[in-house]
Amino acid sequence: MILVSGRLRVRYQGAKERTLAAGHYAFGPPGLPHEGKCLGPQRCTLFIAFEAPVDAEATKAPIK
């Protein structure tokens, strides 16, 4: 994914939390739980590309 606008905090399971700024890129392997939160007053706009059919599912379980 590429963050087009805003600031986004993202964390993938087993990895260190990162904060992305507009123009930054992040990659997460398929099936790896992750969470993100838009920071500040500006909305976050993302460009996300998939290499295969999307099999994502929302969950409220905390990321470890």
N, C-alpha and C. Protein backbone atom coordinates (compact mmCIF):
# COMPACT_ATOMS: atom_id res chain seq x y z
N MET A 1 0.83 -1.17 0.00
CA MET A 1 0.00 0.00 0.00
C MET A 1 0.88 1.23 0.00
N ILE A 2 0.36 2.30 -0.56
CA ILE A 2 1.03 3.61 -0.54
C ILE A 2 0.09 4.59 0.14
N LEU A 3 0.62 5.34 1.10
CA LEU A 3 -0.17 6.36 1.75
C LEU A 3 -0.15 7.61 0.87
N VAL A 4 -1.30 8.01 0.37
CA VAL A 4 -1.41 9.15 -0.54
C VAL A 4 -1.49 10.46 0.24
N SER A 5 -2.23 10.45 1.35
CA SER A 5 -2.33 11.66 2.18
C SER A 5 -2.54 11.28 3.63
N GLY A 6 -2.16 12.20 4.53
CA GLY A 6 -2.32 11.99 5.96
C GLY A 6 -1.10 11.33 6.59
N ARG A 7 -1.27 10.93 7.85
CA ARG A 7 -0.26 10.17 8.60
C ARG A 7 -0.95 8.94 9.15
N LEU A 8 -0.34 7.78 9.00
CA LEU A 8 -0.96 6.51 9.37
C LEU A 8 -0.01 5.70 10.24
N ARG A 9 -0.53 5.28 11.40
CA ARG A 9 0.24 4.36 12.24
C ARG A 9 -0.20 2.96 11.86
N VAL A 10 0.75 2.09 11.55
CA VAL A 10 0.43 0.72 11.13
C VAL A 10 1.32 -0.27 11.89
N ARG A 11 0.72 -1.42 12.22
CA ARG A 11 1.47 -2.45 12.92
C ARG A 11 1.05 -3.80 12.38
N TYR A 12 2.03 -4.59 11.98
CA TYR A 12 1.81 -5.96 11.53
C TYR A 12 2.23 -6.90 12.66
N GLN A 13 1.51 -8.00 12.82
CA GLN A 13 1.80 -8.95 13.89
C GLN A 13 3.27 -9.36 13.84
N GLY A 14 3.94 -9.26 14.99
CA GLY A 14 5.34 -9.66 15.10
C GLY A 14 6.33 -8.60 14.64
N ALA A 15 5.85 -7.44 14.21
CA ALA A 15 6.74 -6.38 13.72
C ALA A 15 6.57 -5.12 14.56
N LYS A 16 7.54 -4.25 14.48
CA LYS A 16 7.54 -2.98 15.19
C LYS A 16 6.52 -2.03 14.55
N GLU A 17 5.82 -1.28 15.39
CA GLU A 17 4.87 -0.28 14.89
C GLU A 17 5.60 0.81 14.11
N ARG A 18 5.00 1.27 13.02
CA ARG A 18 5.59 2.31 12.17
C ARG A 18 4.57 3.40 11.92
N THR A 19 5.05 4.62 11.69
CA THR A 19 4.18 5.72 11.29
C THR A 19 4.57 6.11 9.87
N LEU A 20 3.58 6.09 8.98
CA LEU A 20 3.80 6.44 7.59
C LEU A 20 3.35 7.87 7.32
N ALA A 21 4.06 8.55 6.45
CA ALA A 21 3.67 9.88 5.97
C ALA A 21 3.30 9.73 4.50
N ALA A 22 2.65 10.74 3.96
CA ALA A 22 2.24 10.70 2.55
C ALA A 22 3.44 10.35 1.66
N GLY A 23 3.22 9.40 0.76
CA GLY A 23 4.28 8.95 -0.15
C GLY A 23 5.00 7.71 0.34
N HIS A 24 4.81 7.32 1.60
CA HIS A 24 5.47 6.13 2.14
C HIS A 24 4.75 4.87 1.67
N TYR A 25 5.50 3.78 1.62
CA TYR A 25 5.03 2.49 1.14
C TYR A 25 5.12 1.47 2.27
N ALA A 26 4.17 0.57 2.36
CA ALA A 26 4.21 -0.52 3.34
C ALA A 26 3.77 -1.81 2.66
N PHE A 27 4.38 -2.91 3.06
CA PHE A 27 4.03 -4.22 2.52
C PHE A 27 3.76 -5.17 3.67
N GLY A 28 2.68 -5.92 3.55
CA GLY A 28 2.37 -6.95 4.53
C GLY A 28 2.10 -8.25 3.81
N PRO A 29 2.74 -9.32 4.24
CA PRO A 29 2.51 -10.61 3.60
C PRO A 29 1.05 -11.03 3.71
N PRO A 30 0.53 -11.78 2.75
CA PRO A 30 -0.86 -12.25 2.80
C PRO A 30 -1.13 -13.03 4.08
N GLY A 31 -2.29 -12.78 4.67
CA GLY A 31 -2.71 -13.52 5.85
C GLY A 31 -2.12 -13.03 7.16
N LEU A 32 -1.27 -12.02 7.15
CA LEU A 32 -0.65 -11.52 8.37
C LEU A 32 -1.55 -10.47 9.02
N PRO A 33 -2.03 -10.72 10.24
CA PRO A 33 -2.88 -9.74 10.91
C PRO A 33 -2.16 -8.40 11.07
N HIS A 34 -2.93 -7.33 10.92
CA HIS A 34 -2.36 -6.00 11.06
C HIS A 34 -3.45 -5.01 11.45
N GLU A 35 -3.03 -3.84 11.90
CA GLU A 35 -3.96 -2.78 12.24
C GLU A 35 -3.36 -1.44 11.86
N GLY A 36 -4.22 -0.48 11.60
CA GLY A 36 -3.77 0.85 11.25
C GLY A 36 -4.69 1.90 11.84
N LYS A 37 -4.13 3.08 12.09
CA LYS A 37 -4.92 4.18 12.62
C LYS A 37 -4.43 5.48 12.00
N CYS A 38 -5.37 6.25 11.46
CA CYS A 38 -5.05 7.55 10.90
C CYS A 38 -4.77 8.52 12.05
N LEU A 39 -3.69 9.28 11.95
CA LEU A 39 -3.31 10.22 13.00
C LEU A 39 -3.54 11.66 12.55
N GLY A 40 -3.94 12.50 13.46
CA GLY A 40 -4.07 13.92 13.17
C GLY A 40 -5.37 14.29 12.49
N PRO A 41 -5.49 15.55 12.15
CA PRO A 41 -6.76 16.05 11.60
C PRO A 41 -6.98 15.71 10.13
N GLN A 42 -5.92 15.45 9.35
CA GLN A 42 -6.08 15.18 7.92
C GLN A 42 -6.48 13.72 7.71
N ARG A 43 -7.45 13.49 6.82
CA ARG A 43 -7.86 12.13 6.50
C ARG A 43 -6.74 11.37 5.82
N CYS A 44 -6.73 10.06 6.00
CA CYS A 44 -5.76 9.19 5.34
C CYS A 44 -6.39 8.63 4.06
N THR A 45 -5.64 8.72 2.98
CA THR A 45 -6.05 8.13 1.71
C THR A 45 -4.97 7.12 1.33
N LEU A 46 -5.39 5.89 1.07
CA LEU A 46 -4.46 4.81 0.74
C LEU A 46 -4.70 4.30 -0.67
N PHE A 47 -3.62 3.89 -1.32
CA PHE A 47 -3.70 3.13 -2.56
C PHE A 47 -3.23 1.73 -2.19
N ILE A 48 -4.10 0.75 -2.39
CA ILE A 48 -3.77 -0.63 -2.03
C ILE A 48 -3.91 -1.51 -3.26
N ALA A 49 -2.89 -2.31 -3.53
CA ALA A 49 -2.91 -3.23 -4.67
C ALA A 49 -2.77 -4.66 -4.15
N PHE A 50 -3.48 -5.56 -4.77
CA PHE A 50 -3.44 -6.97 -4.39
C PHE A 50 -2.96 -7.79 -5.58
N GLU A 51 -2.21 -8.87 -5.30
CA GLU A 51 -1.72 -9.75 -6.35
C GLU A 51 -2.63 -10.95 -6.56
N ALA A 52 -3.57 -11.15 -5.66
CA ALA A 52 -4.48 -12.29 -5.74
C ALA A 52 -5.84 -11.83 -5.20
N PRO A 53 -6.86 -12.68 -5.31
CA PRO A 53 -8.16 -12.31 -4.76
C PRO A 53 -8.04 -11.93 -3.29
N VAL A 54 -8.79 -10.94 -2.88
CA VAL A 54 -8.75 -10.46 -1.50
C VAL A 54 -9.48 -11.44 -0.61
N ASP A 55 -8.81 -11.84 0.49
CA ASP A 55 -9.43 -12.76 1.45
C ASP A 55 -9.38 -12.17 2.85
N ALA A 56 -9.41 -10.85 2.94
CA ALA A 56 -9.31 -10.16 4.23
C ALA A 56 -10.61 -10.28 5.01
N GLU A 57 -10.49 -10.28 6.31
CA GLU A 57 -11.66 -10.26 7.17
C GLU A 57 -11.38 -9.36 8.36
N ALA A 58 -12.36 -8.55 8.72
CA ALA A 58 -12.22 -7.63 9.84
C ALA A 58 -12.31 -8.40 11.15
N THR A 59 -11.54 -7.94 12.14
CA THR A 59 -11.59 -8.54 13.47
C THR A 59 -11.31 -7.47 14.49
N LYS A 60 -11.76 -7.67 15.68
CA LYS A 60 -11.49 -6.73 16.77
C LYS A 60 -10.43 -7.31 17.71
N ALA A 61 -9.90 -8.46 17.38
CA ALA A 61 -8.87 -9.08 18.21
C ALA A 61 -7.61 -8.22 18.18
N PRO A 62 -6.96 -8.01 19.32
CA PRO A 62 -5.74 -7.20 19.34
C PRO A 62 -4.59 -7.90 18.60
N ILE A 63 -3.73 -7.09 18.00
CA ILE A 63 -2.53 -7.61 17.32
C ILE A 63 -1.47 -7.87 18.38
N LYS A 64 -0.84 -9.02 18.30
CA LYS A 64 0.20 -9.38 19.28
C LYS A 64 1.56 -9.02 18.77
